[in-house]
Amino acid sequence: MNELIFLIEEAPEGGFTARALGQSIFTEADTLPELQEKLRDAVRCHFDDDKRPKVIRLHHVREEILSL
């Protein structure tokens, strides 16, 4: 695996959540820089050195409501 994708969402209570696609990795943080560091740590803990992805891709999901 060369790449791991995370869906990043704003948490209703504030901060951000991150969920990996295809892996059971989830973390949350108050700020985006803090979330990035927690993601690196979570990926290091989840994978052995020889199986660890080289790239972590963050896909920001933002819900917007438009009124007509």
PDB file of N, CA and C in Angstrom:
ATOM      1  N   MET A   1       0.854  -1.176   0.000  1.00  0.00           N
ATOM      2  CA  MET A   1       0.000   0.000   0.000  1.00  0.00           C
ATOM      3  C   MET A   1       0.902   1.242   0.000  1.00  0.00           C
ATOM      4  N   ASN A   2       0.693   2.100  -0.972  1.00  0.00           N
ATOM      5  CA  ASN A   2       1.492   3.326  -1.053  1.00  0.00           C
ATOM      6  C   ASN A   2       0.798   4.533  -0.448  1.00  0.00           C
ATOM      7  N   GLU A   3      -0.532   4.462  -0.353  1.00  0.00           N
ATOM      8  CA  GLU A   3      -1.298   5.632   0.061  1.00  0.00           C
ATOM      9  C   GLU A   3      -2.457   5.217   0.959  1.00  0.00           C
ATOM     10  N   LEU A   4      -2.749   6.047   1.958  1.00  0.00           N
ATOM     11  CA  LEU A   4      -3.886   5.830   2.836  1.00  0.00           C
ATOM     12  C   LEU A   4      -4.710   7.114   2.836  1.00  0.00           C
ATOM     13  N   ILE A   5      -6.019   6.986   2.615  1.00  0.00           N
ATOM     14  CA  ILE A   5      -6.899   8.145   2.525  1.00  0.00           C
ATOM     15  C   ILE A   5      -7.731   8.258   3.798  1.00  0.00           C
ATOM     16  N   PHE A   6      -7.799   9.474   4.328  1.00  0.00           N
ATOM     17  CA  PHE A   6      -8.627   9.774   5.491  1.00  0.00           C
ATOM     18  C   PHE A   6      -9.695  10.787   5.103  1.00  0.00           C
ATOM     19  N   LEU A   7     -10.917  10.561   5.583  1.00  0.00           N
ATOM     20  CA  LEU A   7     -11.984  11.545   5.454  1.00  0.00           C
ATOM     21  C   LEU A   7     -11.930  12.435   6.691  1.00  0.00           C
ATOM     22  N   ILE A   8     -11.802  13.727   6.462  1.00  0.00           N
ATOM     23  CA  ILE A   8     -11.714  14.706   7.542  1.00  0.00           C
ATOM     24  C   ILE A   8     -13.022  15.484   7.588  1.00  0.00           C
ATOM     25  N   GLU A   9     -13.631  15.541   8.777  1.00  0.00           N
ATOM     26  CA  GLU A   9     -14.879  16.276   8.953  1.00  0.00           C
ATOM     27  C   GLU A   9     -14.785  17.161  10.189  1.00  0.00           C
ATOM     28  N   GLU A  10     -15.521  18.266  10.168  1.00  0.00           N
ATOM     29  CA  GLU A  10     -15.633  19.091  11.366  1.00  0.00           C
ATOM     30  C   GLU A  10     -16.591  18.391  12.324  1.00  0.00           C
ATOM     31  N   ALA A  11     -16.180  18.268  13.572  1.00  0.00           N
ATOM     32  CA  ALA A  11     -17.018  17.628  14.583  1.00  0.00           C
ATOM     33  C   ALA A  11     -18.090  18.605  15.053  1.00  0.00           C
ATOM     34  N   PRO A  12     -19.309  18.117  15.318  1.00  0.00           N
ATOM     35  CA  PRO A  12     -20.387  19.006  15.766  1.00  0.00           C
ATOM     36  C   PRO A  12     -20.043  19.769  17.048  1.00  0.00           C
ATOM     37  N   GLU A  13     -19.273  19.151  17.933  1.00  0.00           N
ATOM     38  CA  GLU A  13     -18.918  19.793  19.188  1.00  0.00           C
ATOM     39  C   GLU A  13     -17.650  20.642  19.081  1.00  0.00           C
ATOM     40  N   GLY A  14     -17.097  20.733  17.873  1.00  0.00           N
ATOM     41  CA  GLY A  14     -15.876  21.490  17.626  1.00  0.00           C
ATOM     42  C   GLY A  14     -14.711  20.581  17.331  1.00  0.00           C
ATOM     43  N   GLY A  15     -13.733  21.080  16.650  1.00  0.00           N
ATOM     44  CA  GLY A  15     -12.572  20.284  16.279  1.00  0.00           C
ATOM     45  C   GLY A  15     -12.832  19.481  15.016  1.00  0.00           C
ATOM     46  N   PHE A  16     -12.033  18.440  14.830  1.00  0.00           N
ATOM     47  CA  PHE A  16     -12.075  17.651  13.606  1.00  0.00           C
ATOM     48  C   PHE A  16     -11.983  16.165  13.916  1.00  0.00           C
ATOM     49  N   THR A  17     -12.566  15.353  13.034  1.00  0.00           N
ATOM     50  CA  THR A  17     -12.431  13.903  13.118  1.00  0.00           C
ATOM     51  C   THR A  17     -11.809  13.398  11.824  1.00  0.00           C
ATOM     52  N   ALA A  18     -11.130  12.267  11.914  1.00  0.00           N
ATOM     53  CA  ALA A  18     -10.508  11.656  10.743  1.00  0.00           C
ATOM     54  C   ALA A  18     -10.763  10.156  10.779  1.00  0.00           C
ATOM     55  N   ARG A  19     -11.239   9.614   9.645  1.00  0.00           N
ATOM     56  CA  ARG A  19     -11.541   8.189   9.537  1.00  0.00           C
ATOM     57  C   ARG A  19     -10.866   7.654   8.268  1.00  0.00           C
ATOM     58  N   ALA A  20     -10.092   6.582   8.426  1.00  0.00           N
ATOM     59  CA  ALA A  20      -9.395   5.983   7.284  1.00  0.00           C
ATOM     60  C   ALA A  20     -10.358   5.177   6.428  1.00  0.00           C
ATOM     61  N   LEU A  21     -10.150   5.200   5.130  1.00  0.00           N
ATOM     62  CA  LEU A  21     -10.914   4.365   4.213  1.00  0.00           C
ATOM     63  C   LEU A  21     -10.218   3.010   4.102  1.00  0.00           C
ATOM     64  N   GLY A  22     -10.940   1.950   4.395  1.00  0.00           N
ATOM     65  CA  GLY A  22     -10.400   0.605   4.256  1.00  0.00           C
ATOM     66  C   GLY A  22      -9.571   0.115   5.432  1.00  0.00           C
ATOM     67  N   GLN A  23      -9.419   0.920   6.460  1.00  0.00           N
ATOM     68  CA  GLN A  23      -8.673   0.527   7.655  1.00  0.00           C
ATOM     69  C   GLN A  23      -9.456   0.992   8.877  1.00  0.00           C
ATOM     70  N   SER A  24      -9.238   0.358   9.999  1.00  0.00           N
ATOM     71  CA  SER A  24      -9.954   0.746  11.215  1.00  0.00           C
ATOM     72  C   SER A  24      -9.111   1.733  12.022  1.00  0.00           C
ATOM     73  N   ILE A  25      -8.913   2.922  11.454  1.00  0.00           N
ATOM     74  CA  ILE A  25      -8.161   3.983  12.116  1.00  0.00           C
ATOM     75  C   ILE A  25      -9.078   5.193  12.228  1.00  0.00           C
ATOM     76  N   PHE A  26      -9.205   5.729  13.443  1.00  0.00           N
ATOM     77  CA  PHE A  26     -10.023   6.908  13.700  1.00  0.00           C
ATOM     78  C   PHE A  26      -9.313   7.750  14.749  1.00  0.00           C
ATOM     79  N   THR A  27      -9.317   9.059  14.539  1.00  0.00           N
ATOM     80  CA  THR A  27      -8.774   9.957  15.555  1.00  0.00           C
ATOM     81  C   THR A  27      -9.476  11.294  15.457  1.00  0.00           C
ATOM     82  N   GLU A  28      -9.266  12.125  16.471  1.00  0.00           N
ATOM     83  CA  GLU A  28      -9.880  13.446  16.487  1.00  0.00           C
ATOM     84  C   GLU A  28      -8.952  14.422  17.181  1.00  0.00           C
ATOM     85  N   ALA A  29      -9.136  15.723  16.877  1.00  0.00           N
ATOM     86  CA  ALA A  29      -8.294  16.759  17.464  1.00  0.00           C
ATOM     87  C   ALA A  29      -9.015  18.097  17.390  1.00  0.00           C
ATOM     88  N   ASP A  30      -8.512  19.056  18.150  1.00  0.00           N
ATOM     89  CA  ASP A  30      -9.122  20.390  18.174  1.00  0.00           C
ATOM     90  C   ASP A  30      -8.727  21.239  16.974  1.00  0.00           C
ATOM     91  N   THR A  31      -7.519  21.034  16.442  1.00  0.00           N
ATOM     92  CA  THR A  31      -7.033  21.839  15.317  1.00  0.00           C
ATOM     93  C   THR A  31      -6.522  20.929  14.204  1.00  0.00           C
ATOM     94  N   LEU A  32      -6.417  21.480  13.007  1.00  0.00           N
ATOM     95  CA  LEU A  32      -5.900  20.681  11.889  1.00  0.00           C
ATOM     96  C   LEU A  32      -4.428  20.289  12.077  1.00  0.00           C
ATOM     97  N   PRO A  33      -3.551  21.193  12.534  1.00  0.00           N
ATOM     98  CA  PRO A  33      -2.165  20.746  12.768  1.00  0.00           C
ATOM     99  C   PRO A  33      -2.074  19.621  13.802  1.00  0.00           C
ATOM    100  N   GLU A  34      -2.875  19.705  14.857  1.00  0.00           N
ATOM    101  CA  GLU A  34      -2.894  18.641  15.864  1.00  0.00           C
ATOM    102  C   GLU A  34      -3.426  17.338  15.262  1.00  0.00           C
ATOM    103  N   LEU A  35      -4.440  17.436  14.415  1.00  0.00           N
ATOM    104  CA  LEU A  35      -4.995  16.255  13.761  1.00  0.00           C
ATOM    105  C   LEU A  35      -3.955  15.591  12.861  1.00  0.00           C
ATOM    106  N   GLN A  36      -3.198  16.389  12.127  1.00  0.00           N
ATOM    107  CA  GLN A  36      -2.166  15.832  11.249  1.00  0.00           C
ATOM    108  C   GLN A  36      -1.134  15.043  12.047  1.00  0.00           C
ATOM    109  N   GLU A  37      -0.723  15.568  13.175  1.00  0.00           N
ATOM    110  CA  GLU A  37       0.253  14.856  14.004  1.00  0.00           C
ATOM    111  C   GLU A  37      -0.351  13.576  14.586  1.00  0.00           C
ATOM    112  N   LYS A  38      -1.601  13.632  15.011  1.00  0.00           N
ATOM    113  CA  LYS A  38      -2.260  12.431  15.537  1.00  0.00           C
ATOM    114  C   LYS A  38      -2.429  11.378  14.449  1.00  0.00           C
ATOM    115  N   LEU A  39      -2.677  11.807  13.213  1.00  0.00           N
ATOM    116  CA  LEU A  39      -2.796  10.851  12.111  1.00  0.00           C
ATOM    117  C   LEU A  39      -1.470  10.147  11.856  1.00  0.00           C
ATOM    118  N   ARG A  40      -0.384  10.901  11.861  1.00  0.00           N
ATOM    119  CA  ARG A  40       0.928  10.274  11.676  1.00  0.00           C
ATOM    120  C   ARG A  40       1.180   9.232  12.762  1.00  0.00           C
ATOM    121  N   ASP A  41       0.898   9.589  14.007  1.00  0.00           N
ATOM    122  CA  ASP A  41       1.095   8.649  15.110  1.00  0.00           C
ATOM    123  C   ASP A  41       0.208   7.417  14.967  1.00  0.00           C
ATOM    124  N   ALA A  42      -1.063   7.622  14.596  1.00  0.00           N
ATOM    125  CA  ALA A  42      -1.991   6.500  14.454  1.00  0.00           C
ATOM    126  C   ALA A  42      -1.544   5.548  13.346  1.00  0.00           C
ATOM    127  N   VAL A  43      -1.072   6.089  12.241  1.00  0.00           N
ATOM    128  CA  VAL A  43      -0.619   5.244  11.129  1.00  0.00           C
ATOM    129  C   VAL A  43       0.650   4.489  11.536  1.00  0.00           C
ATOM    130  N   ARG A  44       1.561   5.155  12.236  1.00  0.00           N
ATOM    131  CA  ARG A  44       2.778   4.469  12.703  1.00  0.00           C
ATOM    132  C   ARG A  44       2.434   3.310  13.635  1.00  0.00           C
ATOM    133  N   CYS A  45       1.430   3.496  14.496  1.00  0.00           N
ATOM    134  CA  CYS A  45       1.031   2.435  15.438  1.00  0.00           C
ATOM    135  C   CYS A  45       0.288   1.299  14.741  1.00  0.00           C
ATOM    136  N   HIS A  46      -0.466   1.615  13.700  1.00  0.00           N
ATOM    137  CA  HIS A  46      -1.337   0.633  13.048  1.00  0.00           C
ATOM    138  C   HIS A  46      -0.572  -0.309  12.109  1.00  0.00           C
ATOM    139  N   PHE A  47       0.496   0.188  11.476  1.00  0.00           N
ATOM    140  CA  PHE A  47       1.218  -0.597  10.471  1.00  0.00           C
ATOM    141  C   PHE A  47       2.638  -0.907  10.925  1.00  0.00           C
ATOM    142  N   ASP A  48       3.124  -2.084  10.535  1.00  0.00           N
ATOM    143  CA  ASP A  48       4.539  -2.398  10.692  1.00  0.00           C
ATOM    144  C   ASP A  48       5.323  -1.531   9.707  1.00  0.00           C
ATOM    145  N   ASP A  49       6.606  -1.345   9.979  1.00  0.00           N
ATOM    146  CA  ASP A  49       7.437  -0.477   9.144  1.00  0.00           C
ATOM    147  C   ASP A  49       7.400  -0.861   7.666  1.00  0.00           C
ATOM    148  N   ASP A  50       7.442  -2.160   7.376  1.00  0.00           N
ATOM    149  CA  ASP A  50       7.489  -2.593   5.976  1.00  0.00           C
ATOM    150  C   ASP A  50       6.130  -2.524   5.274  1.00  0.00           C
ATOM    151  N   LYS A  51       5.039  -2.339   5.999  1.00  0.00           N
ATOM    152  CA  LYS A  51       3.694  -2.277   5.408  1.00  0.00           C
ATOM    153  C   LYS A  51       3.095  -0.862   5.461  1.00  0.00           C
ATOM    154  N   ARG A  52       3.791   0.050   6.076  1.00  0.00           N
ATOM    155  CA  ARG A  52       3.280   1.403   6.280  1.00  0.00           C
ATOM    156  C   ARG A  52       3.172   2.152   4.949  1.00  0.00           C
ATOM    157  N   PRO A  53       2.043   2.847   4.715  1.00  0.00           N
ATOM    158  CA  PRO A  53       1.906   3.630   3.483  1.00  0.00           C
ATOM    159  C   PRO A  53       2.907   4.792   3.472  1.00  0.00           C
ATOM    160  N   LYS A  54       3.303   5.175   2.279  1.00  0.00           N
ATOM    161  CA  LYS A  54       4.265   6.265   2.118  1.00  0.00           C
ATOM    162  C   LYS A  54       3.586   7.632   2.193  1.00  0.00           C
ATOM    163  N   VAL A  55       2.284   7.674   1.831  1.00  0.00           N
ATOM    164  CA  VAL A  55       1.553   8.939   1.745  1.00  0.00           C
ATOM    165  C   VAL A  55       0.244   8.817   2.514  1.00  0.00           C
ATOM    166  N   ILE A  56      -0.086   9.868   3.257  1.00  0.00           N
ATOM    167  CA  ILE A  56      -1.398   9.985   3.892  1.00  0.00           C
ATOM    168  C   ILE A  56      -2.127  11.112   3.169  1.00  0.00           C
ATOM    169  N   ARG A  57      -3.241  10.789   2.545  1.00  0.00           N
ATOM    170  CA  ARG A  57      -4.034  11.783   1.815  1.00  0.00           C
ATOM    171  C   ARG A  57      -5.244  12.167   2.669  1.00  0.00           C
ATOM    172  N   LEU A  58      -5.468  13.472   2.822  1.00  0.00           N
ATOM    173  CA  LEU A  58      -6.588  13.978   3.610  1.00  0.00           C
ATOM    174  C   LEU A  58      -7.655  14.519   2.668  1.00  0.00           C
ATOM    175  N   HIS A  59      -8.841  13.965   2.783  1.00  0.00           N
ATOM    176  CA  HIS A  59      -9.981  14.401   1.978  1.00  0.00           C
ATOM    177  C   HIS A  59     -10.944  15.118   2.918  1.00  0.00           C
ATOM    178  N   HIS A  60     -11.026  16.436   2.784  1.00  0.00           N
ATOM    179  CA  HIS A  60     -11.880  17.237   3.662  1.00  0.00           C
ATOM    180  C   HIS A  60     -13.313  17.214   3.155  1.00  0.00           C
ATOM    181  N   VAL A  61     -14.222  16.773   4.021  1.00  0.00           N
ATOM    182  CA  VAL A  61     -15.641  16.707   3.701  1.00  0.00           C
ATOM    183  C   VAL A  61     -16.334  17.810   4.475  1.00  0.00           C
ATOM    184  N   ARG A  62     -17.058  18.632   3.755  1.00  0.00           N
ATOM    185  CA  ARG A  62     -17.739  19.766   4.401  1.00  0.00           C
ATOM    186  C   ARG A  62     -19.179  19.797   3.963  1.00  0.00           C
ATOM    187  N   GLU A  63     -20.052  19.796   4.919  1.00  0.00           N
ATOM    188  CA  GLU A  63     -21.484  19.828   4.617  1.00  0.00           C
ATOM    189  C   GLU A  63     -21.939  21.283   4.566  1.00  0.00           C
ATOM    190  N   GLU A  64     -22.639  21.618   3.502  1.00  0.00           N
ATOM    191  CA  GLU A  64     -23.197  22.946   3.358  1.00  0.00           C
ATOM    192  C   GLU A  64     -24.684  22.848   3.047  1.00  0.00           C
ATOM    193  N   ILE A  65     -25.454  23.770   3.589  1.00  0.00           N
ATOM    194  CA  ILE A  65     -26.898  23.792   3.341  1.00  0.00           C
ATOM    195  C   ILE A  65     -27.240  25.101   2.646  1.00  0.00           C
ATOM    196  N   LEU A  66     -27.940  24.989   1.538  1.00  0.00           N
ATOM    197  CA  LEU A  66     -28.379  26.153   0.793  1.00  0.00           C
ATOM    198  C   LEU A  66     -29.886  26.254   0.886  1.00  0.00           C
ATOM    199  N   SER A  67     -30.392  27.452   1.137  1.00  0.00           N
ATOM    200  CA  SER A  67     -31.845  27.629   1.148  1.00  0.00           C
ATOM    201  C   SER A  67     -32.257  28.263  -0.178  1.00  0.00           C
ATOM    202  N   LEU A  68     -33.468  27.969  -0.589  1.00  0.00           N
ATOM    203  CA  LEU A  68     -33.999  28.515  -1.840  1.00  0.00           C
ATOM    204  C   LEU A  68     -35.001  29.592  -1.573  1.00  0.00           C
TER     205      LEU A  68
END
